[in-house]
Amino acid sequence: MNNITVYTTTTCPYCVMMKNFLKDQGLPFKEVNVQLDPIAANRLVAATGQLGVPQTEVNGQWVLGYDPDRVLMLLK
């Protein structure tokens, strides 16, 4: 079972693209909106050094931005 978490904001078009990509692949994921959850935003920056979104954690590995090829690579 893959563990996928997408960190998003309310207004980010690439976040929507990432979520739609995961849905289209039939991959379940958890969404954390860092705009609504400042504690999660702080955790994200601590983990990756980046505040940009989307950031997707796939089985403990980070994918910065909308990078579906990297997501698929990490799922194999």
PDB file of N, CA and C in Angstrom:
ATOM      1  N   MET A   1       0.855  -1.197   0.000  1.00  0.00           N
ATOM      2  CA  MET A   1       0.000   0.000   0.000  1.00  0.00           C
ATOM      3  C   MET A   1       0.889   1.245   0.000  1.00  0.00           C
ATOM      4  N   ASN A   2       0.664   2.125  -0.940  1.00  0.00           N
ATOM      5  CA  ASN A   2       1.438   3.361  -1.019  1.00  0.00           C
ATOM      6  C   ASN A   2       0.896   4.389  -0.043  1.00  0.00           C
ATOM      7  N   ASN A   3       1.791   5.202   0.475  1.00  0.00           N
ATOM      8  CA  ASN A   3       1.422   6.268   1.392  1.00  0.00           C
ATOM      9  C   ASN A   3       1.706   7.590   0.690  1.00  0.00           C
ATOM     10  N   ILE A   4       0.645   8.314   0.294  1.00  0.00           N
ATOM     11  CA  ILE A   4       0.786   9.543  -0.485  1.00  0.00           C
ATOM     12  C   ILE A   4       0.085  10.684   0.236  1.00  0.00           C
ATOM     13  N   THR A   5       0.813  11.782   0.440  1.00  0.00           N
ATOM     14  CA  THR A   5       0.223  12.992   1.011  1.00  0.00           C
ATOM     15  C   THR A   5       0.565  14.158   0.096  1.00  0.00           C
ATOM     16  N   VAL A   6      -0.456  14.925  -0.304  1.00  0.00           N
ATOM     17  CA  VAL A   6      -0.254  16.103  -1.147  1.00  0.00           C
ATOM     18  C   VAL A   6      -0.460  17.348  -0.281  1.00  0.00           C
ATOM     19  N   TYR A   7       0.569  18.186  -0.224  1.00  0.00           N
ATOM     20  CA  TYR A   7       0.485  19.459   0.501  1.00  0.00           C
ATOM     21  C   TYR A   7       0.099  20.536  -0.500  1.00  0.00           C
ATOM     22  N   THR A   8      -0.986  21.254  -0.195  1.00  0.00           N
ATOM     23  CA  THR A   8      -1.598  22.173  -1.154  1.00  0.00           C
ATOM     24  C   THR A   8      -1.909  23.516  -0.506  1.00  0.00           C
ATOM     25  N   THR A   9      -2.322  24.471  -1.363  1.00  0.00           N
ATOM     26  CA  THR A   9      -3.014  25.671  -0.893  1.00  0.00           C
ATOM     27  C   THR A   9      -4.337  25.755  -1.640  1.00  0.00           C
ATOM     28  N   THR A  10      -5.180  26.651  -1.201  1.00  0.00           N
ATOM     29  CA  THR A  10      -6.521  26.782  -1.761  1.00  0.00           C
ATOM     30  C   THR A  10      -6.488  27.247  -3.210  1.00  0.00           C
ATOM     31  N   THR A  11      -5.486  28.050  -3.579  1.00  0.00           N
ATOM     32  CA  THR A  11      -5.510  28.730  -4.880  1.00  0.00           C
ATOM     33  C   THR A  11      -4.492  28.196  -5.880  1.00  0.00           C
ATOM     34  N   CYS A  12      -3.892  27.045  -5.602  1.00  0.00           N
ATOM     35  CA  CYS A  12      -2.773  26.567  -6.428  1.00  0.00           C
ATOM     36  C   CYS A  12      -3.262  25.668  -7.567  1.00  0.00           C
ATOM     37  N   PRO A  13      -3.132  26.116  -8.832  1.00  0.00           N
ATOM     38  CA  PRO A  13      -3.615  25.284  -9.952  1.00  0.00           C
ATOM     39  C   PRO A  13      -2.822  23.989 -10.111  1.00  0.00           C
ATOM     40  N   TYR A  14      -1.528  24.006  -9.802  1.00  0.00           N
ATOM     41  CA  TYR A  14      -0.723  22.787  -9.940  1.00  0.00           C
ATOM     42  C   TYR A  14      -1.099  21.756  -8.883  1.00  0.00           C
ATOM     43  N   CYS A  15      -1.600  22.230  -7.736  1.00  0.00           N
ATOM     44  CA  CYS A  15      -2.088  21.311  -6.709  1.00  0.00           C
ATOM     45  C   CYS A  15      -3.298  20.541  -7.239  1.00  0.00           C
ATOM     46  N   VAL A  16      -4.186  21.249  -7.905  1.00  0.00           N
ATOM     47  CA  VAL A  16      -5.370  20.607  -8.492  1.00  0.00           C
ATOM     48  C   VAL A  16      -4.931  19.587  -9.543  1.00  0.00           C
ATOM     49  N   MET A  17      -3.938  19.961 -10.357  1.00  0.00           N
ATOM     50  CA  MET A  17      -3.435  19.029 -11.376  1.00  0.00           C
ATOM     51  C   MET A  17      -2.872  17.766 -10.732  1.00  0.00           C
ATOM     52  N   MET A  18      -2.123  17.927  -9.641  1.00  0.00           N
ATOM     53  CA  MET A  18      -1.541  16.767  -8.962  1.00  0.00           C
ATOM     54  C   MET A  18      -2.626  15.882  -8.379  1.00  0.00           C
ATOM     55  N   LYS A  19      -3.617  16.487  -7.736  1.00  0.00           N
ATOM     56  CA  LYS A  19      -4.704  15.699  -7.149  1.00  0.00           C
ATOM     57  C   LYS A  19      -5.483  14.963  -8.244  1.00  0.00           C
ATOM     58  N   ASN A  20      -5.749  15.654  -9.362  1.00  0.00           N
ATOM     59  CA  ASN A  20      -6.469  15.009 -10.465  1.00  0.00           C
ATOM     60  C   ASN A  20      -5.653  13.867 -11.056  1.00  0.00           C
ATOM     61  N   PHE A  21      -4.333  14.063 -11.161  1.00  0.00           N
ATOM     62  CA  PHE A  21      -3.464  13.007 -11.669  1.00  0.00           C
ATOM     63  C   PHE A  21      -3.552  11.766 -10.773  1.00  0.00           C
ATOM     64  N   LEU A  22      -3.456  11.970  -9.468  1.00  0.00           N
ATOM     65  CA  LEU A  22      -3.514  10.835  -8.539  1.00  0.00           C
ATOM     66  C   LEU A  22      -4.871  10.141  -8.618  1.00  0.00           C
ATOM     67  N   LYS A  23      -5.951  10.934  -8.706  1.00  0.00           N
ATOM     68  CA  LYS A  23      -7.300  10.349  -8.834  1.00  0.00           C
ATOM     69  C   LYS A  23      -7.404   9.539 -10.127  1.00  0.00           C
ATOM     70  N   ASP A  24      -6.883  10.106 -11.228  1.00  0.00           N
ATOM     71  CA  ASP A  24      -6.950   9.414 -12.519  1.00  0.00           C
ATOM     72  C   ASP A  24      -6.176   8.092 -12.484  1.00  0.00           C
ATOM     73  N   GLN A  25      -5.116   8.037 -11.669  1.00  0.00           N
ATOM     74  CA  GLN A  25      -4.316   6.819 -11.538  1.00  0.00           C
ATOM     75  C   GLN A  25      -4.939   5.832 -10.544  1.00  0.00           C
ATOM     76  N   GLY A  26      -6.022   6.255  -9.886  1.00  0.00           N
ATOM     77  CA  GLY A  26      -6.659   5.409  -8.883  1.00  0.00           C
ATOM     78  C   GLY A  26      -5.829   5.285  -7.614  1.00  0.00           C
ATOM     79  N   LEU A  27      -5.025   6.308  -7.309  1.00  0.00           N
ATOM     80  CA  LEU A  27      -4.155   6.273  -6.133  1.00  0.00           C
ATOM     81  C   LEU A  27      -4.781   7.061  -4.994  1.00  0.00           C
ATOM     82  N   PRO A  28      -5.061   6.409  -3.861  1.00  0.00           N
ATOM     83  CA  PRO A  28      -5.591   7.151  -2.721  1.00  0.00           C
ATOM     84  C   PRO A  28      -4.512   8.050  -2.124  1.00  0.00           C
ATOM     85  N   PHE A  29      -4.911   9.227  -1.659  1.00  0.00           N
ATOM     86  CA  PHE A  29      -3.954  10.153  -1.066  1.00  0.00           C
ATOM     87  C   PHE A  29      -4.646  10.981  -0.002  1.00  0.00           C
ATOM     88  N   LYS A  30      -3.828  11.558   0.868  1.00  0.00           N
ATOM     89  CA  LYS A  30      -4.317  12.486   1.886  1.00  0.00           C
ATOM     90  C   LYS A  30      -3.913  13.874   1.424  1.00  0.00           C
ATOM     91  N   GLU A  31      -4.798  14.847   1.620  1.00  0.00           N
ATOM     92  CA  GLU A  31      -4.468  16.238   1.276  1.00  0.00           C
ATOM     93  C   GLU A  31      -4.314  17.043   2.549  1.00  0.00           C
ATOM     94  N   VAL A  32      -3.239  17.838   2.614  1.00  0.00           N
ATOM     95  CA  VAL A  32      -3.034  18.765   3.718  1.00  0.00           C
ATOM     96  C   VAL A  32      -2.937  20.164   3.126  1.00  0.00           C
ATOM     97  N   ASN A  33      -3.900  21.022   3.461  1.00  0.00           N
ATOM     98  CA  ASN A  33      -3.904  22.394   2.953  1.00  0.00           C
ATOM     99  C   ASN A  33      -3.095  23.254   3.923  1.00  0.00           C
ATOM    100  N   VAL A  34      -1.879  23.636   3.505  1.00  0.00           N
ATOM    101  CA  VAL A  34      -0.991  24.380   4.399  1.00  0.00           C
ATOM    102  C   VAL A  34      -1.445  25.824   4.582  1.00  0.00           C
ATOM    103  N   GLN A  35      -2.329  26.276   3.725  1.00  0.00           N
ATOM    104  CA  GLN A  35      -2.886  27.621   3.877  1.00  0.00           C
ATOM    105  C   GLN A  35      -3.833  27.657   5.077  1.00  0.00           C
ATOM    106  N   LEU A  36      -4.534  26.560   5.315  1.00  0.00           N
ATOM    107  CA  LEU A  36      -5.499  26.477   6.411  1.00  0.00           C
ATOM    108  C   LEU A  36      -4.872  25.892   7.670  1.00  0.00           C
ATOM    109  N   ASP A  37      -3.683  25.323   7.550  1.00  0.00           N
ATOM    110  CA  ASP A  37      -3.042  24.617   8.660  1.00  0.00           C
ATOM    111  C   ASP A  37      -1.599  25.090   8.807  1.00  0.00           C
ATOM    112  N   PRO A  38      -1.387  26.215   9.524  1.00  0.00           N
ATOM    113  CA  PRO A  38      -0.036  26.777   9.634  1.00  0.00           C
ATOM    114  C   PRO A  38       0.953  25.834  10.324  1.00  0.00           C
ATOM    115  N   ILE A  39       0.467  24.963  11.186  1.00  0.00           N
ATOM    116  CA  ILE A  39       1.365  24.002  11.840  1.00  0.00           C
ATOM    117  C   ILE A  39       1.905  23.020  10.807  1.00  0.00           C
ATOM    118  N   ALA A  40       1.034  22.545   9.923  1.00  0.00           N
ATOM    119  CA  ALA A  40       1.477  21.659   8.838  1.00  0.00           C
ATOM    120  C   ALA A  40       2.432  22.398   7.908  1.00  0.00           C
ATOM    121  N   ALA A  41       2.188  23.679   7.662  1.00  0.00           N
ATOM    122  CA  ALA A  41       3.086  24.477   6.813  1.00  0.00           C
ATOM    123  C   ALA A  41       4.478  24.526   7.432  1.00  0.00           C
ATOM    124  N   ASN A  42       4.561  24.734   8.739  1.00  0.00           N
ATOM    125  CA  ASN A  42       5.853  24.758   9.415  1.00  0.00           C
ATOM    126  C   ASN A  42       6.547  23.401   9.338  1.00  0.00           C
ATOM    127  N   ARG A  43       5.778  22.328   9.498  1.00  0.00           N
ATOM    128  CA  ARG A  43       6.345  20.971   9.397  1.00  0.00           C
ATOM    129  C   ARG A  43       6.893  20.728   7.992  1.00  0.00           C
ATOM    130  N   LEU A  44       6.158  21.206   6.996  1.00  0.00           N
ATOM    131  CA  LEU A  44       6.569  21.020   5.607  1.00  0.00           C
ATOM    132  C   LEU A  44       7.897  21.719   5.335  1.00  0.00           C
ATOM    133  N   VAL A  45       8.016  22.963   5.770  1.00  0.00           N
ATOM    134  CA  VAL A  45       9.262  23.711   5.572  1.00  0.00           C
ATOM    135  C   VAL A  45      10.408  23.031   6.321  1.00  0.00           C
ATOM    136  N   ALA A  46      10.130  22.528   7.522  1.00  0.00           N
ATOM    137  CA  ALA A  46      11.157  21.833   8.293  1.00  0.00           C
ATOM    138  C   ALA A  46      11.614  20.564   7.567  1.00  0.00           C
ATOM    139  N   ALA A  47      10.678  19.881   6.904  1.00  0.00           N
ATOM    140  CA  ALA A  47      10.998  18.606   6.242  1.00  0.00           C
ATOM    141  C   ALA A  47      11.732  18.820   4.926  1.00  0.00           C
ATOM    142  N   THR A  48      11.353  19.839   4.170  1.00  0.00           N
ATOM    143  CA  THR A  48      11.861  19.962   2.793  1.00  0.00           C
ATOM    144  C   THR A  48      12.649  21.235   2.545  1.00  0.00           C
ATOM    145  N   GLY A  49      12.531  22.211   3.428  1.00  0.00           N
ATOM    146  CA  GLY A  49      13.165  23.503   3.190  1.00  0.00           C
ATOM    147  C   GLY A  49      12.445  24.346   2.154  1.00  0.00           C
ATOM    148  N   GLN A  50      11.271  23.909   1.732  1.00  0.00           N
ATOM    149  CA  GLN A  50      10.516  24.585   0.670  1.00  0.00           C
ATOM    150  C   GLN A  50       9.113  24.914   1.172  1.00  0.00           C
ATOM    151  N   LEU A  51       8.605  26.067   0.764  1.00  0.00           N
ATOM    152  CA  LEU A  51       7.214  26.390   1.085  1.00  0.00           C
ATOM    153  C   LEU A  51       6.325  26.297  -0.152  1.00  0.00           C
ATOM    154  N   GLY A  52       6.912  26.201  -1.339  1.00  0.00           N
ATOM    155  CA  GLY A  52       6.108  26.117  -2.560  1.00  0.00           C
ATOM    156  C   GLY A  52       5.238  24.871  -2.568  1.00  0.00           C
ATOM    157  N   VAL A  53       4.132  24.946  -3.266  1.00  0.00           N
ATOM    158  CA  VAL A  53       3.232  23.798  -3.400  1.00  0.00           C
ATOM    159  C   VAL A  53       2.925  23.573  -4.876  1.00  0.00           C
ATOM    160  N   PRO A  54       2.504  22.401  -5.300  1.00  0.00           N
ATOM    161  CA  PRO A  54       2.312  21.240  -4.425  1.00  0.00           C
ATOM    162  C   PRO A  54       3.648  20.593  -4.045  1.00  0.00           C
ATOM    163  N   GLN A  55       3.656  19.999  -2.879  1.00  0.00           N
ATOM    164  CA  GLN A  55       4.706  19.071  -2.503  1.00  0.00           C
ATOM    165  C   GLN A  55       3.999  17.782  -2.147  1.00  0.00           C
ATOM    166  N   THR A  56       4.494  16.700  -2.690  1.00  0.00           N
ATOM    167  CA  THR A  56       3.831  15.418  -2.504  1.00  0.00           C
ATOM    168  C   THR A  56       4.818  14.456  -1.869  1.00  0.00           C
ATOM    169  N   GLU A  57       4.412  13.885  -0.753  1.00  0.00           N
ATOM    170  CA  GLU A  57       5.235  12.871  -0.101  1.00  0.00           C
ATOM    171  C   GLU A  57       4.747  11.504  -0.548  1.00  0.00           C
ATOM    172  N   VAL A  58       5.633  10.739  -1.183  1.00  0.00           N
ATOM    173  CA  VAL A  58       5.294   9.410  -1.693  1.00  0.00           C
ATOM    174  C   VAL A  58       6.198   8.408  -0.983  1.00  0.00           C
ATOM    175  N   ASN A  59       5.619   7.644  -0.066  1.00  0.00           N
ATOM    176  CA  ASN A  59       6.393   6.629   0.667  1.00  0.00           C
ATOM    177  C   ASN A  59       7.672   7.206   1.260  1.00  0.00           C
ATOM    178  N   GLY A  60       7.566   8.413   1.839  1.00  0.00           N
ATOM    179  CA  GLY A  60       8.708   9.012   2.511  1.00  0.00           C
ATOM    180  C   GLY A  60       9.645   9.809   1.625  1.00  0.00           C
ATOM    181  N   GLN A  61       9.403   9.822   0.306  1.00  0.00           N
ATOM    182  CA  GLN A  61      10.210  10.600  -0.639  1.00  0.00           C
ATOM    183  C   GLN A  61       9.402  11.820  -1.082  1.00  0.00           C
ATOM    184  N   TRP A  62      10.102  12.915  -1.352  1.00  0.00           N
ATOM    185  CA  TRP A  62       9.409  14.165  -1.702  1.00  0.00           C
ATOM    186  C   TRP A  62       9.449  14.438  -3.196  1.00  0.00           C
ATOM    187  N   VAL A  63       8.318  14.886  -3.714  1.00  0.00           N
ATOM    188  CA  VAL A  63       8.199  15.357  -5.095  1.00  0.00           C
ATOM    189  C   VAL A  63       7.800  16.823  -5.016  1.00  0.00           C
ATOM    190  N   LEU A  64       8.646  17.706  -5.564  1.00  0.00           N
ATOM    191  CA  LEU A  64       8.365  19.137  -5.537  1.00  0.00           C
ATOM    192  C   LEU A  64       7.659  19.529  -6.827  1.00  0.00           C
ATOM    193  N   GLY A  65       6.564  20.259  -6.689  1.00  0.00           N
ATOM    194  CA  GLY A  65       5.841  20.727  -7.868  1.00  0.00           C
ATOM    195  C   GLY A  65       5.030  19.622  -8.502  1.00  0.00           C
ATOM    196  N   TYR A  66       4.527  19.913  -9.690  1.00  0.00           N
ATOM    197  CA  TYR A  66       3.715  18.939 -10.430  1.00  0.00           C
ATOM    198  C   TYR A  66       4.651  18.106 -11.292  1.00  0.00           C
ATOM    199  N   ASP A  67       4.964  16.906 -10.823  1.00  0.00           N
ATOM    200  CA  ASP A  67       5.932  16.039 -11.509  1.00  0.00           C
ATOM    201  C   ASP A  67       5.401  14.603 -11.499  1.00  0.00           C
ATOM    202  N   PRO A  68       4.398  14.336 -12.367  1.00  0.00           N
ATOM    203  CA  PRO A  68       3.751  13.015 -12.335  1.00  0.00           C
ATOM    204  C   PRO A  68       4.726  11.875 -12.637  1.00  0.00           C
ATOM    205  N   ASP A  69       5.737  12.120 -13.485  1.00  0.00           N
ATOM    206  CA  ASP A  69       6.693  11.044 -13.807  1.00  0.00           C
ATOM    207  C   ASP A  69       7.457  10.607 -12.563  1.00  0.00           C
ATOM    208  N   ARG A  70       7.853  11.589 -11.751  1.00  0.00           N
ATOM    209  CA  ARG A  70       8.579  11.252 -10.517  1.00  0.00           C
ATOM    210  C   ARG A  70       7.672  10.512  -9.532  1.00  0.00           C
ATOM    211  N   VAL A  71       6.400  10.921  -9.455  1.00  0.00           N
ATOM    212  CA  VAL A  71       5.462  10.215  -8.571  1.00  0.00           C
ATOM    213  C   VAL A  71       5.377   8.755  -8.994  1.00  0.00           C
ATOM    214  N   LEU A  72       5.198   8.505 -10.279  1.00  0.00           N
ATOM    215  CA  LEU A  72       5.065   7.128 -10.762  1.00  0.00           C
ATOM    216  C   LEU A  72       6.349   6.344 -10.493  1.00  0.00           C
ATOM    217  N   MET A  73       7.509   6.986 -10.658  1.00  0.00           N
ATOM    218  CA  MET A  73       8.776   6.321 -10.419  1.00  0.00           C
ATOM    219  C   MET A  73       8.877   5.873  -8.955  1.00  0.00           C
ATOM    220  N   LEU A  74       8.430   6.725  -8.041  1.00  0.00           N
ATOM    221  CA  LEU A  74       8.532   6.402  -6.619  1.00  0.00           C
ATOM    222  C   LEU A  74       7.528   5.327  -6.196  1.00  0.00           C
ATOM    223  N   LEU A  75       6.498   5.110  -6.981  1.00  0.00           N
ATOM    224  CA  LEU A  75       5.479   4.114  -6.630  1.00  0.00           C
ATOM    225  C   LEU A  75       5.885   2.709  -7.023  1.00  0.00           C
ATOM    226  N   LYS A  76       6.872   2.575  -7.895  1.00  0.00           N
ATOM    227  CA  LYS A  76       7.198   1.246  -8.422  1.00  0.00           C
ATOM    228  C   LYS A  76       7.861   0.384  -7.370  1.00  0.00           C
TER     229      LYS A  76
END
